[in-house]
mmCIF file of all heavy atoms, coordinates in Angstrom:
data_MODEL
# 
_entry.id   MODEL 
# 
loop_
_atom_site.group_PDB 
_atom_site.id 
_atom_site.type_symbol 
_atom_site.label_atom_id 
_atom_site.label_alt_id 
_atom_site.label_comp_id 
_atom_site.label_asym_id 
_atom_site.label_entity_id 
_atom_site.label_seq_id 
_atom_site.pdbx_PDB_ins_code 
_atom_site.Cartn_x 
_atom_site.Cartn_y 
_atom_site.Cartn_z 
_atom_site.occupancy 
_atom_site.B_iso_or_equiv 
_atom_site.pdbx_formal_charge 
_atom_site.auth_seq_id 
_atom_site.auth_comp_id 
_atom_site.auth_asym_id 
_atom_site.auth_atom_id 
_atom_site.pdbx_PDB_model_num 
ATOM 1   N N   . PRO A 1 1  ? -30.661 -40.343 3.156  1.00 0.00 ? 1  PRO A N   1 
ATOM 2   C CA  . PRO A 1 1  ? -31.248 -39.093 2.554  1.00 0.00 ? 1  PRO A CA  1 
ATOM 3   C C   . PRO A 1 1  ? -31.223 -39.055 1.045  1.00 0.00 ? 1  PRO A C   1 
ATOM 4   O O   . PRO A 1 1  ? -30.665 -39.873 0.314  1.00 0.00 ? 1  PRO A O   1 
ATOM 5   C CB  . PRO A 1 1  ? -30.005 -38.045 2.984  1.00 0.00 ? 1  PRO A CB  1 
ATOM 6   C CG  . PRO A 1 1  ? -28.748 -38.909 2.970  1.00 0.00 ? 1  PRO A CG  1 
ATOM 7   C CD  . PRO A 1 1  ? -29.311 -40.332 3.423  1.00 0.00 ? 1  PRO A CD  1 
ATOM 8   N N   . ASP A 1 2  ? -31.997 -38.131 0.452  1.00 0.00 ? 2  ASP A N   1 
ATOM 9   C CA  . ASP A 1 2  ? -32.101 -37.916 -0.939 1.00 0.00 ? 2  ASP A CA  1 
ATOM 10  C C   . ASP A 1 2  ? -31.154 -36.966 -1.430 1.00 0.00 ? 2  ASP A C   1 
ATOM 11  O O   . ASP A 1 2  ? -30.877 -36.824 -2.644 1.00 0.00 ? 2  ASP A O   1 
ATOM 12  C CB  . ASP A 1 2  ? -33.471 -37.533 -1.341 1.00 0.00 ? 2  ASP A CB  1 
ATOM 13  C CG  . ASP A 1 2  ? -34.570 -38.479 -0.880 1.00 0.00 ? 2  ASP A CG  1 
ATOM 14  O OD1 . ASP A 1 2  ? -34.434 -39.730 -1.204 1.00 0.00 ? 2  ASP A OD1 1 
ATOM 15  O OD2 . ASP A 1 2  ? -35.569 -38.124 -0.182 1.00 0.00 ? 2  ASP A OD2 1 
ATOM 16  N N   . LEU A 1 3  ? -30.626 -36.239 -0.469 1.00 0.00 ? 3  LEU A N   1 
ATOM 17  C CA  . LEU A 1 3  ? -29.794 -34.914 -0.731 1.00 0.00 ? 3  LEU A CA  1 
ATOM 18  C C   . LEU A 1 3  ? -28.930 -34.719 0.476  1.00 0.00 ? 3  LEU A C   1 
ATOM 19  O O   . LEU A 1 3  ? -29.373 -34.682 1.518  1.00 0.00 ? 3  LEU A O   1 
ATOM 20  C CB  . LEU A 1 3  ? -30.759 -33.804 -1.120 1.00 0.00 ? 3  LEU A CB  1 
ATOM 21  C CG  . LEU A 1 3  ? -30.097 -32.428 -1.468 1.00 0.00 ? 3  LEU A CG  1 
ATOM 22  C CD1 . LEU A 1 3  ? -29.364 -32.488 -2.828 1.00 0.00 ? 3  LEU A CD1 1 
ATOM 23  C CD2 . LEU A 1 3  ? -31.059 -31.363 -1.540 1.00 0.00 ? 3  LEU A CD2 1 
ATOM 24  N N   . ILE A 1 4  ? -27.754 -34.265 0.226  1.00 0.00 ? 4  ILE A N   1 
ATOM 25  C CA  . ILE A 1 4  ? -26.791 -33.580 1.395  1.00 0.00 ? 4  ILE A CA  1 
ATOM 26  C C   . ILE A 1 4  ? -26.650 -32.271 0.971  1.00 0.00 ? 4  ILE A C   1 
ATOM 27  O O   . ILE A 1 4  ? -26.421 -31.888 -0.244 1.00 0.00 ? 4  ILE A O   1 
ATOM 28  C CB  . ILE A 1 4  ? -25.433 -34.478 1.298  1.00 0.00 ? 4  ILE A CB  1 
ATOM 29  C CG1 . ILE A 1 4  ? -25.683 -35.909 1.577  1.00 0.00 ? 4  ILE A CG1 1 
ATOM 30  C CG2 . ILE A 1 4  ? -24.524 -33.877 2.357  1.00 0.00 ? 4  ILE A CG2 1 
ATOM 31  C CD1 . ILE A 1 4  ? -24.429 -36.801 1.396  1.00 0.00 ? 4  ILE A CD1 1 
ATOM 32  N N   . VAL A 1 5  ? -26.675 -31.367 1.922  1.00 0.00 ? 5  VAL A N   1 
ATOM 33  C CA  . VAL A 1 5  ? -26.515 -29.941 1.717  1.00 0.00 ? 5  VAL A CA  1 
ATOM 34  C C   . VAL A 1 5  ? -25.512 -29.439 2.742  1.00 0.00 ? 5  VAL A C   1 
ATOM 35  O O   . VAL A 1 5  ? -25.581 -29.692 3.892  1.00 0.00 ? 5  VAL A O   1 
ATOM 36  C CB  . VAL A 1 5  ? -27.805 -29.219 1.919  1.00 0.00 ? 5  VAL A CB  1 
ATOM 37  C CG1 . VAL A 1 5  ? -27.518 -27.710 1.876  1.00 0.00 ? 5  VAL A CG1 1 
ATOM 38  C CG2 . VAL A 1 5  ? -28.831 -29.586 0.893  1.00 0.00 ? 5  VAL A CG2 1 
ATOM 39  N N   . ASP A 1 6  ? -24.435 -28.750 2.192  1.00 0.00 ? 6  ASP A N   1 
ATOM 40  C CA  . ASP A 1 6  ? -23.503 -28.012 3.152  1.00 0.00 ? 6  ASP A CA  1 
ATOM 41  C C   . ASP A 1 6  ? -23.595 -26.517 2.742  1.00 0.00 ? 6  ASP A C   1 
ATOM 42  O O   . ASP A 1 6  ? -23.979 -26.123 1.611  1.00 0.00 ? 6  ASP A O   1 
ATOM 43  C CB  . ASP A 1 6  ? -22.109 -28.504 2.847  1.00 0.00 ? 6  ASP A CB  1 
ATOM 44  C CG  . ASP A 1 6  ? -21.079 -27.966 3.920  1.00 0.00 ? 6  ASP A CG  1 
ATOM 45  O OD1 . ASP A 1 6  ? -21.493 -27.492 4.959  1.00 0.00 ? 6  ASP A OD1 1 
ATOM 46  O OD2 . ASP A 1 6  ? -20.027 -28.043 3.607  1.00 0.00 ? 6  ASP A OD2 1 
ATOM 47  N N   . SER A 1 7  ? -23.321 -25.697 3.791  1.00 0.00 ? 7  SER A N   1 
ATOM 48  C CA  . SER A 1 7  ? -23.214 -24.214 3.618  1.00 0.00 ? 7  SER A CA  1 
ATOM 49  C C   . SER A 1 7  ? -21.981 -23.697 4.274  1.00 0.00 ? 7  SER A C   1 
ATOM 50  O O   . SER A 1 7  ? -21.833 -24.014 5.467  1.00 0.00 ? 7  SER A O   1 
ATOM 51  C CB  . SER A 1 7  ? -24.474 -23.543 4.211  1.00 0.00 ? 7  SER A CB  1 
ATOM 52  O OG  . SER A 1 7  ? -24.380 -22.077 4.088  1.00 0.00 ? 7  SER A OG  1 
ATOM 53  N N   . GLY A 1 8  ? -21.224 -23.039 3.577  1.00 0.00 ? 8  GLY A N   1 
ATOM 54  C CA  . GLY A 1 8  ? -19.985 -22.620 4.150  1.00 0.00 ? 8  GLY A CA  1 
ATOM 55  C C   . GLY A 1 8  ? -19.016 -22.161 3.092  1.00 0.00 ? 8  GLY A C   1 
ATOM 56  O O   . GLY A 1 8  ? -19.389 -21.605 2.003  1.00 0.00 ? 8  GLY A O   1 
ATOM 57  N N   . SER A 1 9  ? -17.758 -22.413 3.127  1.00 0.00 ? 9  SER A N   1 
ATOM 58  C CA  . SER A 1 9  ? -16.757 -22.171 2.205  1.00 0.00 ? 9  SER A CA  1 
ATOM 59  C C   . SER A 1 9  ? -16.960 -22.959 0.971  1.00 0.00 ? 9  SER A C   1 
ATOM 60  O O   . SER A 1 9  ? -17.311 -24.113 1.017  1.00 0.00 ? 9  SER A O   1 
ATOM 61  C CB  . SER A 1 9  ? -15.333 -22.550 2.823  1.00 0.00 ? 9  SER A CB  1 
ATOM 62  O OG  . SER A 1 9  ? -14.329 -22.507 1.825  1.00 0.00 ? 9  SER A OG  1 
ATOM 63  N N   . THR A 1 10 ? -16.695 -22.298 -0.244 1.00 0.00 ? 10 THR A N   1 
ATOM 64  C CA  . THR A 1 10 ? -16.713 -22.986 -1.511 1.00 0.00 ? 10 THR A CA  1 
ATOM 65  C C   . THR A 1 10 ? -15.454 -23.205 -2.147 1.00 0.00 ? 10 THR A C   1 
ATOM 66  O O   . THR A 1 10 ? -15.219 -23.370 -3.242 1.00 0.00 ? 10 THR A O   1 
ATOM 67  C CB  . THR A 1 10 ? -17.577 -22.289 -2.430 1.00 0.00 ? 10 THR A CB  1 
ATOM 68  O OG1 . THR A 1 10 ? -17.112 -20.837 -2.691 1.00 0.00 ? 10 THR A OG1 1 
ATOM 69  C CG2 . THR A 1 10 ? -19.071 -22.153 -1.964 1.00 0.00 ? 10 THR A CG2 1 
ATOM 70  N N   . GLY A 1 11 ? -14.289 -23.109 -1.319 1.00 0.00 ? 11 GLY A N   1 
ATOM 71  C CA  . GLY A 1 11 ? -13.023 -23.369 -1.630 1.00 0.00 ? 11 GLY A CA  1 
ATOM 72  C C   . GLY A 1 11 ? -12.687 -24.753 -2.063 1.00 0.00 ? 11 GLY A C   1 
ATOM 73  O O   . GLY A 1 11 ? -13.501 -25.695 -1.955 1.00 0.00 ? 11 GLY A O   1 
ATOM 74  N N   . ARG A 1 12 ? -11.570 -24.890 -2.544 1.00 0.00 ? 12 ARG A N   1 
ATOM 75  C CA  . ARG A 1 12 ? -11.167 -26.310 -3.163 1.00 0.00 ? 12 ARG A CA  1 
ATOM 76  C C   . ARG A 1 12 ? -11.252 -27.433 -2.236 1.00 0.00 ? 12 ARG A C   1 
ATOM 77  O O   . ARG A 1 12 ? -11.838 -28.481 -2.626 1.00 0.00 ? 12 ARG A O   1 
ATOM 78  C CB  . ARG A 1 12 ? -9.585  -26.098 -3.678 1.00 0.00 ? 12 ARG A CB  1 
ATOM 79  C CG  . ARG A 1 12 ? -9.121  -27.464 -4.357 1.00 0.00 ? 12 ARG A CG  1 
ATOM 80  C CD  . ARG A 1 12 ? -7.718  -27.315 -4.720 1.00 0.00 ? 12 ARG A CD  1 
ATOM 81  N NE  . ARG A 1 12 ? -7.193  -28.521 -5.315 1.00 0.00 ? 12 ARG A NE  1 
ATOM 82  C CZ  . ARG A 1 12 ? -5.905  -28.665 -5.748 1.00 0.00 ? 12 ARG A CZ  1 
ATOM 83  N NH1 . ARG A 1 12 ? -5.125  -27.624 -5.755 1.00 0.00 ? 12 ARG A NH1 1 
ATOM 84  N NH2 . ARG A 1 12 ? -5.533  -29.921 -6.105 1.00 0.00 ? 12 ARG A NH2 1 
ATOM 85  N N   . THR A 1 13 ? -10.789 -27.205 -0.976 1.00 0.00 ? 13 THR A N   1 
ATOM 86  C CA  . THR A 1 13 ? -10.908 -28.295 -0.077 1.00 0.00 ? 13 THR A CA  1 
ATOM 87  C C   . THR A 1 13 ? -12.495 -28.840 0.059  1.00 0.00 ? 13 THR A C   1 
ATOM 88  O O   . THR A 1 13 ? -12.656 -30.077 0.166  1.00 0.00 ? 13 THR A O   1 
ATOM 89  C CB  . THR A 1 13 ? -10.444 -27.856 1.434  1.00 0.00 ? 13 THR A CB  1 
ATOM 90  O OG1 . THR A 1 13 ? -9.244  -27.602 1.267  1.00 0.00 ? 13 THR A OG1 1 
ATOM 91  C CG2 . THR A 1 13 ? -10.747 -28.903 2.372  1.00 0.00 ? 13 THR A CG2 1 
ATOM 92  N N   . TYR A 1 14 ? -13.431 -28.030 0.115  1.00 0.00 ? 14 TYR A N   1 
ATOM 93  C CA  . TYR A 1 14 ? -14.730 -28.324 0.300  1.00 0.00 ? 14 TYR A CA  1 
ATOM 94  C C   . TYR A 1 14 ? -15.358 -28.828 -0.951 1.00 0.00 ? 14 TYR A C   1 
ATOM 95  O O   . TYR A 1 14 ? -16.374 -29.647 -0.881 1.00 0.00 ? 14 TYR A O   1 
ATOM 96  C CB  . TYR A 1 14 ? -15.495 -27.236 0.990  1.00 0.00 ? 14 TYR A CB  1 
ATOM 97  C CG  . TYR A 1 14 ? -15.051 -26.891 2.386  1.00 0.00 ? 14 TYR A CG  1 
ATOM 98  C CD1 . TYR A 1 14 ? -13.884 -25.988 2.645  1.00 0.00 ? 14 TYR A CD1 1 
ATOM 99  C CD2 . TYR A 1 14 ? -15.587 -27.659 3.379  1.00 0.00 ? 14 TYR A CD2 1 
ATOM 100 C CE1 . TYR A 1 14 ? -13.573 -25.899 3.842  1.00 0.00 ? 14 TYR A CE1 1 
ATOM 101 C CE2 . TYR A 1 14 ? -15.120 -27.478 4.644  1.00 0.00 ? 14 TYR A CE2 1 
ATOM 102 C CZ  . TYR A 1 14 ? -13.996 -26.679 4.900  1.00 0.00 ? 14 TYR A CZ  1 
ATOM 103 O OH  . TYR A 1 14 ? -13.429 -26.407 6.089  1.00 0.00 ? 14 TYR A OH  1 
ATOM 104 N N   . VAL A 1 15 ? -15.034 -28.254 -2.084 1.00 0.00 ? 15 VAL A N   1 
ATOM 105 C CA  . VAL A 1 15 ? -15.553 -28.852 -3.388 1.00 0.00 ? 15 VAL A CA  1 
ATOM 106 C C   . VAL A 1 15 ? -15.021 -30.213 -3.633 1.00 0.00 ? 15 VAL A C   1 
ATOM 107 O O   . VAL A 1 15 ? -15.771 -31.111 -3.940 1.00 0.00 ? 15 VAL A O   1 
ATOM 108 C CB  . VAL A 1 15 ? -14.947 -27.922 -4.571 1.00 0.00 ? 15 VAL A CB  1 
ATOM 109 C CG1 . VAL A 1 15 ? -15.253 -28.643 -5.805 1.00 0.00 ? 15 VAL A CG1 1 
ATOM 110 C CG2 . VAL A 1 15 ? -15.625 -26.634 -4.540 1.00 0.00 ? 15 VAL A CG2 1 
ATOM 111 N N   . GLU A 1 16 ? -13.799 -30.463 -3.174 1.00 0.00 ? 16 GLU A N   1 
ATOM 112 C CA  . GLU A 1 16 ? -13.237 -31.844 -3.372 1.00 0.00 ? 16 GLU A CA  1 
ATOM 113 C C   . GLU A 1 16 ? -13.970 -32.860 -2.400 1.00 0.00 ? 16 GLU A C   1 
ATOM 114 O O   . GLU A 1 16 ? -14.259 -33.889 -2.873 1.00 0.00 ? 16 GLU A O   1 
ATOM 115 C CB  . GLU A 1 16 ? -11.791 -31.891 -3.079 1.00 0.00 ? 16 GLU A CB  1 
ATOM 116 C CG  . GLU A 1 16 ? -10.810 -31.224 -4.112 1.00 0.00 ? 16 GLU A CG  1 
ATOM 117 C CD  . GLU A 1 16 ? -9.409  -31.154 -3.873 1.00 0.00 ? 16 GLU A CD  1 
ATOM 118 O OE1 . GLU A 1 16 ? -9.109  -31.644 -2.652 1.00 0.00 ? 16 GLU A OE1 1 
ATOM 119 O OE2 . GLU A 1 16 ? -8.594  -30.792 -4.718 1.00 0.00 ? 16 GLU A OE2 1 
ATOM 120 N N   . LEU A 1 17 ? -14.233 -32.348 -1.179 1.00 0.00 ? 17 LEU A N   1 
ATOM 121 C CA  . LEU A 1 17 ? -14.979 -33.199 -0.228 1.00 0.00 ? 17 LEU A CA  1 
ATOM 122 C C   . LEU A 1 17 ? -16.460 -33.543 -0.858 1.00 0.00 ? 17 LEU A C   1 
ATOM 123 O O   . LEU A 1 17 ? -16.732 -34.606 -0.732 1.00 0.00 ? 17 LEU A O   1 
ATOM 124 C CB  . LEU A 1 17 ? -15.106 -32.449 1.109  1.00 0.00 ? 17 LEU A CB  1 
ATOM 125 C CG  . LEU A 1 17 ? -15.913 -33.242 2.043  1.00 0.00 ? 17 LEU A CG  1 
ATOM 126 C CD1 . LEU A 1 17 ? -15.362 -34.461 2.560  1.00 0.00 ? 17 LEU A CD1 1 
ATOM 127 C CD2 . LEU A 1 17 ? -16.204 -32.278 3.401  1.00 0.00 ? 17 LEU A CD2 1 
ATOM 128 N N   . ALA A 1 18 ? -17.083 -32.431 -1.336 1.00 0.00 ? 18 ALA A N   1 
ATOM 129 C CA  . ALA A 1 18 ? -18.389 -32.661 -1.870 1.00 0.00 ? 18 ALA A CA  1 
ATOM 130 C C   . ALA A 1 18 ? -18.350 -33.652 -2.917 1.00 0.00 ? 18 ALA A C   1 
ATOM 131 O O   . ALA A 1 18 ? -19.274 -34.603 -3.143 1.00 0.00 ? 18 ALA A O   1 
ATOM 132 C CB  . ALA A 1 18 ? -18.947 -31.267 -2.443 1.00 0.00 ? 18 ALA A CB  1 
ATOM 133 N N   . GLU A 1 19 ? -17.359 -33.583 -3.872 1.00 0.00 ? 19 GLU A N   1 
ATOM 134 C CA  . GLU A 1 19 ? -17.307 -34.600 -4.978 1.00 0.00 ? 19 GLU A CA  1 
ATOM 135 C C   . GLU A 1 19 ? -17.050 -35.903 -4.564 1.00 0.00 ? 19 GLU A C   1 
ATOM 136 O O   . GLU A 1 19 ? -17.546 -36.811 -5.080 1.00 0.00 ? 19 GLU A O   1 
ATOM 137 C CB  . GLU A 1 19 ? -16.211 -34.090 -6.021 1.00 0.00 ? 19 GLU A CB  1 
ATOM 138 C CG  . GLU A 1 19 ? -16.439 -32.813 -6.668 1.00 0.00 ? 19 GLU A CG  1 
ATOM 139 C CD  . GLU A 1 19 ? -17.580 -32.777 -7.727 1.00 0.00 ? 19 GLU A CD  1 
ATOM 140 O OE1 . GLU A 1 19 ? -17.857 -34.036 -8.041 1.00 0.00 ? 19 GLU A OE1 1 
ATOM 141 O OE2 . GLU A 1 19 ? -18.154 -31.761 -8.105 1.00 0.00 ? 19 GLU A OE2 1 
ATOM 142 N N   . ARG A 1 20 ? -16.159 -36.125 -3.506 1.00 0.00 ? 20 ARG A N   1 
ATOM 143 C CA  . ARG A 1 20 ? -15.752 -37.377 -3.066 1.00 0.00 ? 20 ARG A CA  1 
ATOM 144 C C   . ARG A 1 20 ? -17.033 -38.082 -2.376 1.00 0.00 ? 20 ARG A C   1 
ATOM 145 O O   . ARG A 1 20 ? -17.326 -39.231 -2.681 1.00 0.00 ? 20 ARG A O   1 
ATOM 146 C CB  . ARG A 1 20 ? -14.599 -37.307 -1.998 1.00 0.00 ? 20 ARG A CB  1 
ATOM 147 C CG  . ARG A 1 20 ? -14.229 -38.534 -1.448 1.00 0.00 ? 20 ARG A CG  1 
ATOM 148 C CD  . ARG A 1 20 ? -13.184 -39.317 -2.441 1.00 0.00 ? 20 ARG A CD  1 
ATOM 149 N NE  . ARG A 1 20 ? -12.155 -38.480 -2.726 1.00 0.00 ? 20 ARG A NE  1 
ATOM 150 C CZ  . ARG A 1 20 ? -10.956 -38.506 -2.152 1.00 0.00 ? 20 ARG A CZ  1 
ATOM 151 N NH1 . ARG A 1 20 ? -10.872 -39.139 -1.072 1.00 0.00 ? 20 ARG A NH1 1 
ATOM 152 N NH2 . ARG A 1 20 ? -10.057 -37.780 -2.411 1.00 0.00 ? 20 ARG A NH2 1 
ATOM 153 N N   . VAL A 1 21 ? -17.748 -37.340 -1.514 1.00 0.00 ? 21 VAL A N   1 
ATOM 154 C CA  . VAL A 1 21 ? -18.857 -37.862 -0.876 1.00 0.00 ? 21 VAL A CA  1 
ATOM 155 C C   . VAL A 1 21 ? -19.885 -38.246 -1.850 1.00 0.00 ? 21 VAL A C   1 
ATOM 156 O O   . VAL A 1 21 ? -20.550 -39.313 -1.823 1.00 0.00 ? 21 VAL A O   1 
ATOM 157 C CB  . VAL A 1 21 ? -19.381 -36.813 0.114  1.00 0.00 ? 21 VAL A CB  1 
ATOM 158 C CG1 . VAL A 1 21 ? -20.838 -37.360 0.685  1.00 0.00 ? 21 VAL A CG1 1 
ATOM 159 C CG2 . VAL A 1 21 ? -18.384 -36.647 1.264  1.00 0.00 ? 21 VAL A CG2 1 
ATOM 160 N N   . GLN A 1 22 ? -20.124 -37.372 -2.771 1.00 0.00 ? 22 GLN A N   1 
ATOM 161 C CA  . GLN A 1 22 ? -21.186 -37.637 -3.901 1.00 0.00 ? 22 GLN A CA  1 
ATOM 162 C C   . GLN A 1 22 ? -20.893 -38.859 -4.650 1.00 0.00 ? 22 GLN A C   1 
ATOM 163 O O   . GLN A 1 22 ? -21.723 -39.713 -4.957 1.00 0.00 ? 22 GLN A O   1 
ATOM 164 C CB  . GLN A 1 22 ? -21.326 -36.374 -4.697 1.00 0.00 ? 22 GLN A CB  1 
ATOM 165 C CG  . GLN A 1 22 ? -22.411 -36.556 -5.707 1.00 0.00 ? 22 GLN A CG  1 
ATOM 166 C CD  . GLN A 1 22 ? -22.631 -35.211 -6.319 1.00 0.00 ? 22 GLN A CD  1 
ATOM 167 O OE1 . GLN A 1 22 ? -23.278 -34.314 -5.935 1.00 0.00 ? 22 GLN A OE1 1 
ATOM 168 N NE2 . GLN A 1 22 ? -22.104 -35.096 -7.685 1.00 0.00 ? 22 GLN A NE2 1 
ATOM 169 N N   . GLN A 1 23 ? -19.517 -38.947 -5.080 1.00 0.00 ? 23 GLN A N   1 
ATOM 170 C CA  . GLN A 1 23 ? -19.070 -40.109 -5.889 1.00 0.00 ? 23 GLN A CA  1 
ATOM 171 C C   . GLN A 1 23 ? -19.215 -41.384 -5.087 1.00 0.00 ? 23 GLN A C   1 
ATOM 172 O O   . GLN A 1 23 ? -19.747 -42.433 -5.667 1.00 0.00 ? 23 GLN A O   1 
ATOM 173 C CB  . GLN A 1 23 ? -17.756 -39.913 -6.327 1.00 0.00 ? 23 GLN A CB  1 
ATOM 174 C CG  . GLN A 1 23 ? -17.113 -41.138 -7.131 1.00 0.00 ? 23 GLN A CG  1 
ATOM 175 C CD  . GLN A 1 23 ? -15.742 -40.745 -7.521 1.00 0.00 ? 23 GLN A CD  1 
ATOM 176 O OE1 . GLN A 1 23 ? -14.925 -40.236 -6.884 1.00 0.00 ? 23 GLN A OE1 1 
ATOM 177 N NE2 . GLN A 1 23 ? -15.345 -41.323 -8.650 1.00 0.00 ? 23 GLN A NE2 1 
ATOM 178 N N   . GLN A 1 24 ? -18.948 -41.353 -3.787 1.00 0.00 ? 24 GLN A N   1 
ATOM 179 C CA  . GLN A 1 24 ? -18.947 -42.588 -3.053 1.00 0.00 ? 24 GLN A CA  1 
ATOM 180 C C   . GLN A 1 24 ? -20.255 -43.119 -2.444 1.00 0.00 ? 24 GLN A C   1 
ATOM 181 O O   . GLN A 1 24 ? -20.341 -44.218 -2.021 1.00 0.00 ? 24 GLN A O   1 
ATOM 182 C CB  . GLN A 1 24 ? -17.844 -42.554 -1.884 1.00 0.00 ? 24 GLN A CB  1 
ATOM 183 C CG  . GLN A 1 24 ? -16.500 -42.448 -2.464 1.00 0.00 ? 24 GLN A CG  1 
ATOM 184 C CD  . GLN A 1 24 ? -15.360 -42.560 -1.403 1.00 0.00 ? 24 GLN A CD  1 
ATOM 185 O OE1 . GLN A 1 24 ? -15.664 -42.066 -0.307 1.00 0.00 ? 24 GLN A OE1 1 
ATOM 186 N NE2 . GLN A 1 24 ? -14.300 -43.044 -1.731 1.00 0.00 ? 24 GLN A NE2 1 
ATOM 187 N N   . THR A 1 25 ? -21.240 -42.201 -2.448 1.00 0.00 ? 25 THR A N   1 
ATOM 188 C CA  . THR A 1 25 ? -22.547 -42.510 -1.928 1.00 0.00 ? 25 THR A CA  1 
ATOM 189 C C   . THR A 1 25 ? -23.618 -42.624 -3.030 1.00 0.00 ? 25 THR A C   1 
ATOM 190 O O   . THR A 1 25 ? -24.640 -43.263 -2.856 1.00 0.00 ? 25 THR A O   1 
ATOM 191 C CB  . THR A 1 25 ? -22.948 -41.500 -0.852 1.00 0.00 ? 25 THR A CB  1 
ATOM 192 O OG1 . THR A 1 25 ? -23.156 -40.209 -1.492 1.00 0.00 ? 25 THR A OG1 1 
ATOM 193 C CG2 . THR A 1 25 ? -21.971 -41.489 0.265  1.00 0.00 ? 25 THR A CG2 1 
# 
């Protein structure tokens, strides 16, 4: 993919997940 998109909670858990996935991929 060129982009990953999630829609849902913007709480800390999901922000951290987004950052981790983005950093590692």
